[in-house]
Protein backbone atom coordinates (compact mmCIF):
# COMPACT_ATOMS: atom_id res chain seq x y z
CA MET A 1 125.07 69.67 125.10
CA LYS A 2 125.94 70.41 128.73
CA ARG A 3 123.70 68.58 131.22
CA GLY A 4 120.93 70.61 132.56
CA SER A 5 121.17 73.16 129.71
CA ARG A 6 118.39 74.20 127.87
CA PRO A 7 118.83 73.96 123.48
CA ARG A 8 118.83 77.04 121.45
CA ILE A 9 115.65 78.03 119.76
CA GLU A 10 115.87 79.46 116.58
CA LYS A 11 113.74 81.95 115.65
CA PRO A 12 111.88 81.29 112.51
CA MET A 13 112.67 82.83 109.46
CA SER A 14 110.67 82.59 106.25
CA ALA A 15 113.08 82.18 103.40
CA VAL A 16 110.39 83.86 101.21
CA PRO A 17 109.39 87.90 100.82
CA LEU A 18 105.96 88.56 101.89
CA GLU A 19 104.18 91.46 100.09
CA LEU A 20 100.71 93.21 102.05
CA THR A 21 98.88 95.97 100.70
CA VAL A 22 97.59 98.31 103.10
CA PRO A 23 94.65 100.68 102.49
CA ILE A 24 94.69 103.68 104.50
CA THR A 25 92.42 105.96 105.27
CA PRO A 26 93.36 109.68 107.04
CA SER A 27 91.04 111.52 109.63
CA ALA A 28 92.60 114.86 108.22
CA ARG A 29 94.48 116.73 105.86
CA PHE A 30 97.69 116.22 107.93
CA ASP A 31 97.69 113.28 109.78
CA VAL A 32 100.21 110.60 111.23
CA ILE A 33 99.72 107.10 111.55
CA ASP A 34 100.92 104.14 112.80
CA VAL A 35 101.42 101.47 109.38
CA ARG A 36 102.15 98.77 111.72
CA LYS A 37 99.06 99.15 113.51
CA ARG A 38 97.45 98.72 110.71
CA ILE A 39 98.84 96.04 109.60
CA ALA A 40 98.66 94.37 112.91
CA ASP A 41 94.79 94.99 112.52
CA LEU A 42 94.87 93.18 109.53
CA HIS A 43 97.67 90.80 109.12
CA GLY A 44 98.32 89.63 112.81
CA ASP A 45 101.78 89.28 113.39
CA ALA A 46 102.33 88.12 109.55
CA LEU A 47 105.53 90.37 109.57
CA ASP A 48 107.61 90.02 112.96
CA PRO A 49 109.67 87.08 111.69
CA TYR A 50 111.09 89.29 109.09
CA PRO A 51 114.14 91.10 110.11
CA ARG A 52 113.87 94.06 107.38
CA CYS A 53 110.82 95.54 105.80
CA LEU A 54 110.57 98.01 102.51
CA TYR A 55 107.96 100.62 102.70
CA ASN A 56 106.40 101.91 99.65
CA SER A 57 103.55 104.69 99.08
CA PHE A 58 102.18 105.44 95.94
CA HIS A 59 102.06 109.07 96.36
CA THR A 60 103.79 112.14 96.09
CA THR A 61 102.42 114.24 99.28
CA ALA A 62 102.26 111.51 101.63
CA GLY A 63 105.40 108.95 102.76
CA TYR A 64 107.81 108.17 105.08
CA LEU A 65 110.77 109.47 106.95
CA ASP A 66 114.31 107.66 107.16
CA GLN A 67 114.29 105.38 110.46
CA SER A 68 116.84 107.23 111.71
CA LEU A 69 115.54 110.69 111.72
CA ALA A 70 112.17 109.23 113.13
CA THR A 71 113.25 107.32 115.62
CA ARG A 72 115.08 110.58 116.62
CA LEU A 73 111.85 112.64 116.71
CA GLU A 74 109.56 109.54 118.28
CA ARG A 75 111.96 110.17 121.84
CA ARG A 76 111.19 114.01 121.28
CA ARG A 77 107.54 115.45 122.93
CA ARG A 78 106.55 117.24 119.72
CA GLY A 79 107.88 113.64 117.96
CA ILE A 80 106.82 113.85 114.10
CA SER A 81 104.19 115.60 114.14
CA GLY A 82 105.51 118.80 115.68
CA TYR A 83 108.77 118.35 113.28
CA VAL A 84 106.13 117.80 109.97
CA THR A 85 103.93 120.95 111.18
CA ALA A 86 107.40 123.25 111.25
CA PHE A 87 107.25 122.66 107.40
CA ARG A 88 103.84 122.80 106.66
CA THR A 89 104.11 126.56 108.95
CA LEU A 90 106.10 127.94 105.87
CA PHE A 91 104.01 126.21 102.95
CA PRO A 92 100.75 127.41 104.29
CA GLU A 93 97.08 126.09 102.14
CA GLY A 94 95.69 128.60 99.78
CA ALA A 95 98.48 131.02 99.73
CA GLY A 96 98.40 132.06 96.33
CA TYR A 97 100.07 129.12 94.70
CA ARG A 98 100.14 129.23 90.54
CA HIS A 99 99.98 125.40 90.83
CA ASP A 100 96.27 125.99 92.45
CA ASP A 101 95.20 128.01 89.47
CA LEU A 102 93.65 124.99 88.42
CA HIS A 103 92.12 126.90 84.97
CA ASP A 104 95.59 127.46 83.90
CA ARG A 105 96.91 124.07 84.24
CA SER A 106 96.79 123.31 80.74
CA GLU A 107 97.49 119.47 80.97
CA LEU A 108 94.09 119.06 82.69
CA SER A 109 90.73 118.13 81.30
CA ALA A 110 87.87 119.73 82.03
CA ASP A 111 87.12 116.91 84.25
CA GLN A 112 90.20 116.68 86.40
CA ARG A 113 89.70 119.96 87.34
CA ASP A 114 86.72 119.26 89.08
CA VAL A 115 88.45 116.83 91.10
CA GLU A 116 91.90 117.98 91.01
CA PRO A 117 92.96 119.19 94.96
CA ARG A 118 94.91 122.51 95.59
CA ASN A 119 97.22 120.73 97.02
CA ALA A 120 100.67 123.04 96.34
CA ASP A 121 101.28 123.36 99.88
CA SER A 122 101.54 119.61 100.27
CA HIS A 123 104.30 118.30 97.37
CA LEU A 124 106.08 121.11 98.85
CA ALA A 125 106.05 120.18 102.75
CA PHE A 126 106.29 117.02 101.42
CA MET A 127 109.97 117.90 100.02
CA ALA A 128 111.07 120.40 102.15
CA ALA A 129 110.47 117.71 105.09
CA GLY A 130 112.92 115.45 103.55
CA LEU A 131 109.89 112.49 103.38
CA ARG A 132 110.29 109.77 101.15
CA THR A 133 108.30 107.59 98.77
CA CYS A 134 110.22 104.33 99.43
CA VAL A 135 112.07 103.33 102.66
CA THR A 136 114.22 100.05 104.25
CA TYR A 137 113.65 99.95 107.65
CA ARG A 138 114.91 97.10 110.59
CA ASN A 139 111.42 95.39 111.71
CA ARG A 140 110.99 96.72 115.28
CA PRO A 141 107.56 95.43 115.77
CA GLN A 142 106.76 96.94 119.26
CA GLU A 143 107.43 100.33 117.53
CA PRO A 144 105.23 102.84 115.45
CA VAL A 145 106.21 103.03 112.04
CA SER A 146 104.69 106.85 110.59
CA PHE A 147 102.94 107.15 107.31
CA VAL A 148 102.64 111.03 106.56
CA ASP A 149 100.26 112.25 104.88
CA LEU A 150 99.74 115.94 103.91
CA ASP A 151 96.77 115.64 101.62
CA GLY A 152 94.54 113.12 103.35
CA VAL A 153 91.08 114.98 102.96
CA SER A 154 90.30 117.20 100.17
CA ASP A 155 86.71 119.18 100.12
CA GLY A 156 86.19 117.29 103.29
CA ARG A 157 86.47 113.89 101.91
CA PRO A 158 89.17 111.74 102.95
CA ARG A 159 91.00 110.25 100.41
CA GLN A 160 91.81 106.30 99.91
CA ARG A 161 95.50 105.59 100.27
CA LEU A 162 97.59 102.84 99.73
CA THR A 163 100.97 101.46 100.96
CA SER A 164 102.79 98.28 99.66
CA VAL A 165 104.73 96.48 102.96
CA VAL A 166 107.24 93.93 102.21
CA GLY A 167 109.04 91.69 104.65
CA TYR A 168 112.19 90.36 103.73
CA THR A 169 115.32 88.46 105.41
CA SER A 170 117.97 89.85 103.67
CA GLU A 171 119.22 91.16 100.28
CA VAL A 172 121.61 90.60 97.50
CA GLU A 173 123.17 92.77 94.83
CA VAL A 174 122.51 91.20 91.32
CA ALA A 175 123.41 93.84 89.30
CA ARG A 176 125.10 97.27 88.90
CA VAL A 177 125.23 99.66 85.63
CA ARG A 178 125.90 102.72 85.16
CA LEU A 179 123.16 105.30 83.16
CA ASP A 180 124.31 108.45 81.26
CA VAL A 181 121.97 111.02 81.42
CA PRO A 182 122.12 113.92 79.06
CA VAL A 183 121.33 116.93 80.34
CA SER A 184 121.10 120.40 78.35
CA GLY A 185 123.86 123.46 78.28
CA HIS A 186 121.97 125.23 81.02
CA PRO A 187 123.23 126.00 84.73
CA VAL A 188 120.08 124.47 86.31
CA ASP A 189 118.16 121.67 84.72
CA SER A 190 115.45 118.69 85.85
CA ILE A 191 114.92 115.57 84.11
CA ASN A 192 112.73 113.07 84.06
CA LEU A 193 114.12 109.71 84.34
CA LYS A 194 111.01 107.98 83.26
CA ASP A 195 110.45 110.09 80.18
CA PRO A 196 110.31 107.51 77.92
CA GLY A 197 112.16 109.69 75.61
CA LEU A 198 115.43 109.11 77.63
CA GLY A 199 115.02 105.10 77.54
CA LEU A 200 116.44 104.69 80.39
CA TYR A 201 113.17 102.72 82.37
CA GLU A 202 113.31 100.37 79.64
CA GLU A 203 116.80 99.97 80.39
CA LEU A 204 115.76 99.08 83.92
CA ALA A 205 113.11 96.84 82.96
CA GLN A 206 115.67 94.65 80.71
CA LEU A 207 118.09 94.60 83.87
CA ILE A 208 115.43 92.98 86.39
CA GLY A 209 113.90 90.49 83.81
CA ARG A 210 117.41 89.40 82.89
CA HIS A 211 118.34 88.62 85.98
CA ASP A 212 114.52 88.07 87.32
CA VAL A 213 114.44 89.66 90.21
CA ILE A 214 110.73 89.12 91.89
CA HIS A 215 110.87 90.72 94.97
CA GLY A 216 113.44 93.48 95.57
CA ARG A 217 114.61 96.99 94.84
CA LEU A 218 116.22 99.39 92.53
CA ARG A 219 118.21 102.08 94.24
CA LEU A 220 119.56 105.15 91.62
CA ALA A 221 122.13 107.20 92.70
CA LEU A 222 124.63 109.77 91.16
CA THR A 223 128.25 108.80 90.86
CA PRO A 224 130.62 109.49 93.11
CA GLY A 225 132.19 112.20 90.33
CA GLU A 226 128.63 114.07 90.37
CA ARG A 227 128.53 117.36 91.79
CA GLN A 228 126.10 119.89 92.16
CA ALA A 229 122.95 117.38 91.83
CA GLY A 230 120.43 115.55 93.51
CA LEU A 231 117.96 113.35 93.00
CA THR A 232 114.46 112.61 94.37
CA VAL A 233 110.98 111.36 93.60
CA ASN A 234 107.55 113.11 93.11
CA GLU A 235 105.70 114.50 90.83
CA TYR A 236 107.21 116.00 87.69
CA GLU A 237 104.98 119.15 87.46
CA THR A 238 105.00 122.94 86.84
CA LEU A 239 103.90 123.89 90.43
CA LEU A 240 104.28 127.61 90.59
CA MET A 241 107.43 128.90 89.41
CA GLU A 242 106.01 130.80 85.90
CA HIS A 243 104.05 134.01 88.05
CA ASP A 244 106.65 133.81 91.13
CA LEU A 245 109.66 133.21 89.06
CA ILE A 246 111.44 136.29 89.19
CA GLU A 247 110.52 136.55 92.89
CA VAL A 248 111.95 133.73 93.60
CA LEU A 249 115.53 134.44 91.66
CA ARG A 250 115.79 137.93 93.13
CA ASP A 251 115.37 136.55 96.75
CA PRO A 252 114.39 133.28 97.64
CA LEU A 253 113.80 133.85 101.90
CA ARG A 254 111.51 136.59 101.21
CA PHE A 255 109.40 134.62 98.41
CA MET A 256 109.63 131.84 101.64
CA ALA A 257 108.75 134.74 103.97
CA GLU A 258 105.62 136.37 102.26
CA LYS A 259 103.95 132.64 100.86
CA SER A 260 104.09 131.78 104.98
CA ARG A 261 103.09 135.05 105.74
CA HIS A 262 105.73 135.23 108.59
CA ALA A 263 108.53 137.90 108.77
CA LEU A 264 111.85 136.37 108.89
CA ALA A 265 114.21 137.80 111.42
CA ALA A 266 116.96 136.31 109.68
CA PRO A 267 117.86 134.17 106.92
CA ARG A 268 119.13 130.99 109.62
CA ALA A 269 115.52 130.92 110.90
CA VAL A 270 114.40 128.82 107.91
CA PRO A 271 115.24 125.42 107.99
CA TRP A 272 118.04 124.06 105.29
CA ARG A 273 115.66 122.34 103.38
CA THR A 274 112.86 124.36 103.02
CA LEU A 275 113.77 125.45 98.87
CA ASP A 276 113.28 121.96 98.50
CA TYR A 277 110.42 122.48 95.90
CA ALA A 278 113.10 124.05 93.59
CA LYS A 279 114.46 120.91 93.02
CA TYR A 280 112.30 120.74 89.54
CA ASP A 281 109.65 123.45 88.93
CA LEU A 282 111.82 126.69 89.48
CA VAL A 283 114.49 124.82 87.09
CA ARG A 284 112.10 124.08 84.22
CA ALA A 285 110.52 127.22 84.15
CA PHE A 286 114.13 129.18 84.65
CA ASN A 287 114.69 127.94 81.40
CA GLU A 288 111.90 128.65 79.67
CA VAL A 289 112.20 132.31 80.39
CA VAL A 290 115.78 132.49 79.47
CA GLU A 291 114.88 130.62 76.16
CA ALA A 292 111.95 132.84 75.48
CA LEU A 293 114.20 135.78 75.93
CA GLY A 294 116.74 134.61 74.25
CA LEU A 295 119.29 134.48 77.11
CA SER A 296 120.33 131.22 76.48
CA GLU A 297 124.43 131.17 77.24
CA SER A 298 124.47 134.21 77.77
CA MET A 299 126.15 136.05 80.80
CA ILE A 300 122.97 136.88 82.20
CA GLU A 301 121.91 133.11 81.92
CA ARG A 302 124.99 132.69 84.31
CA ILE A 303 124.41 134.74 86.58
CA LEU A 304 120.59 134.02 87.25
CA ALA A 305 121.79 130.83 87.69
CA ARG A 306 124.13 131.52 90.51
CA ALA A 307 121.76 133.37 91.96
CA ILE A 308 119.50 129.62 92.33
CA GLY A 309 122.53 127.80 93.05
CA VAL A 310 122.96 129.39 96.51
CA PRO A 311 119.60 128.26 97.51
CA ALA A 312 119.99 124.82 95.73
CA SER A 313 123.40 123.97 97.27
CA ARG A 314 123.19 125.74 101.04
CA PHE A 315 119.16 124.81 101.27
CA LEU A 316 118.02 121.73 99.42
CA ARG A 317 120.27 119.18 101.07
CA MET A 318 119.28 117.24 98.11
CA LYS A 319 119.63 113.58 98.36
CA ARG A 320 122.07 111.30 96.00
CA SER A 321 120.22 108.48 95.49
CA VAL A 322 116.33 106.85 95.82
CA ASP A 323 115.05 103.88 95.93
CA LEU A 324 111.85 101.94 93.96
CA LEU A 325 110.26 98.97 94.93
CA VAL A 326 110.85 95.96 92.16
CA SER A 327 107.66 93.60 92.90
CA ASP A 328 104.79 90.74 90.77
CA ARG A 329 101.91 92.72 92.44
CA LYS A 330 101.38 94.07 88.62
CA SER A 331 102.33 90.43 86.99
CA PRO A 332 102.56 87.47 89.11
CA GLY A 333 105.87 86.06 88.79
CA VAL A 334 106.98 88.68 86.88
CA GLY A 335 109.22 91.09 88.90
CA THR A 336 109.00 95.15 87.34
CA ILE A 337 109.45 98.83 89.04
CA VAL A 338 106.11 99.45 91.22
CA GLU A 339 105.14 103.44 91.94
CA GLY A 340 102.32 105.80 91.91
CA THR A 341 100.47 107.07 88.84
CA TYR A 342 102.02 110.49 89.34
CA GLN A 343 105.60 109.34 90.48
CA SER A 344 108.62 109.79 88.49
CA PRO A 345 112.59 109.93 90.05
CA ILE A 346 113.63 113.07 88.91
CA LEU A 347 117.39 114.55 88.48
CA VAL A 348 118.27 118.33 89.06
CA GLN A 349 121.52 120.34 88.65
CA TRP A 350 122.16 123.45 89.83
CA ARG A 351 125.54 123.41 87.71
CA PRO A 352 126.10 122.99 84.30
CA SER A 353 127.80 119.51 83.65
CA ALA A 354 131.10 120.07 81.27
CA SER A 355 130.10 117.15 79.02
CA ARG A 356 126.12 117.63 79.16
CA ILE A 357 125.70 114.18 80.91
CA ARG A 358 125.60 112.90 84.33
CA HIS A 359 125.74 109.44 85.28
CA VAL A 360 123.73 107.51 87.56
CA GLU A 361 124.47 104.27 89.00
CA ALA A 362 121.55 101.84 89.30
CA THR A 363 121.88 98.89 91.55
CA LEU A 364 119.25 96.10 91.84
CA TYR A 365 118.60 94.14 94.65
CA GLN A 366 116.66 90.98 95.50
CA PHE A 367 115.31 90.43 98.76
CA GLU A 368 115.56 86.98 100.30
């Protein structure tokens, strides 16, 4: 060491990932909450030593934007709130969504109908705006991390939200496997990857257990050869398509205009993700209709599929990958996929697969 020079002090790093559970109480139906500030209030500077953080929402109408997009929006005058509001305008509350006709929701019990929120608009805006349930951020303690809630107050009462935050130093890839996902011969199809009948979640659970990952993430990504398909995480249910299906297939932009009570002067006025909701509800209803009418595998089905294929490929801009949190929060010392009650990874195709098989690569990362 040179005379007069000071020794370099290394910033201490914890070798053990730290997971924090952060309760959130929204103050309005649409609310943007700084999770970093909430963490500081509850846990001080506990996350500061970690260069990276994973944020996981347990809800399908509340989550996070990718850090790059969030950072760009924060530099603009209207910020994240203005960005999301644009999508909320396209899907106004109480605009006659079939999902909100609770008496027609056969999967709900009488007790569930009494408390089930009418929140189709929130689901649609969540997906259209590109919100995610699980994101990884570079940890910048002085910068906000925005938890965006689109359905934070129901019947005048705030909903209790929960997010999990994991601070970690680095991550190591420990395993990679290919999953074969069977799809139907329908040109447009959606598959719940959490469906027990597929056995994929059981295979992923075995993968996590075999490598003894306690804290980490699981990335599901379409393999490079897969085209005209995408992945999302949301609630796998029929939202509004049985009543509006024909109208949507005939003219998707007109449907969006009527639901938003705005006249669209030109197709370019529609943001490119406004039809993201179709990624599972529209395709399920589409398949049910063509089968009921005996049109499966017919020329009519192919024509209708092309009608929906244009918005799917040009408007949805569906992601090719999703992340899932792996944690031992359910059982200490045993890592499992952690997610909300109604969350499911969903694969959607808007063109048929010749082999009726789609390939998804699952990559398991361990946090250190």
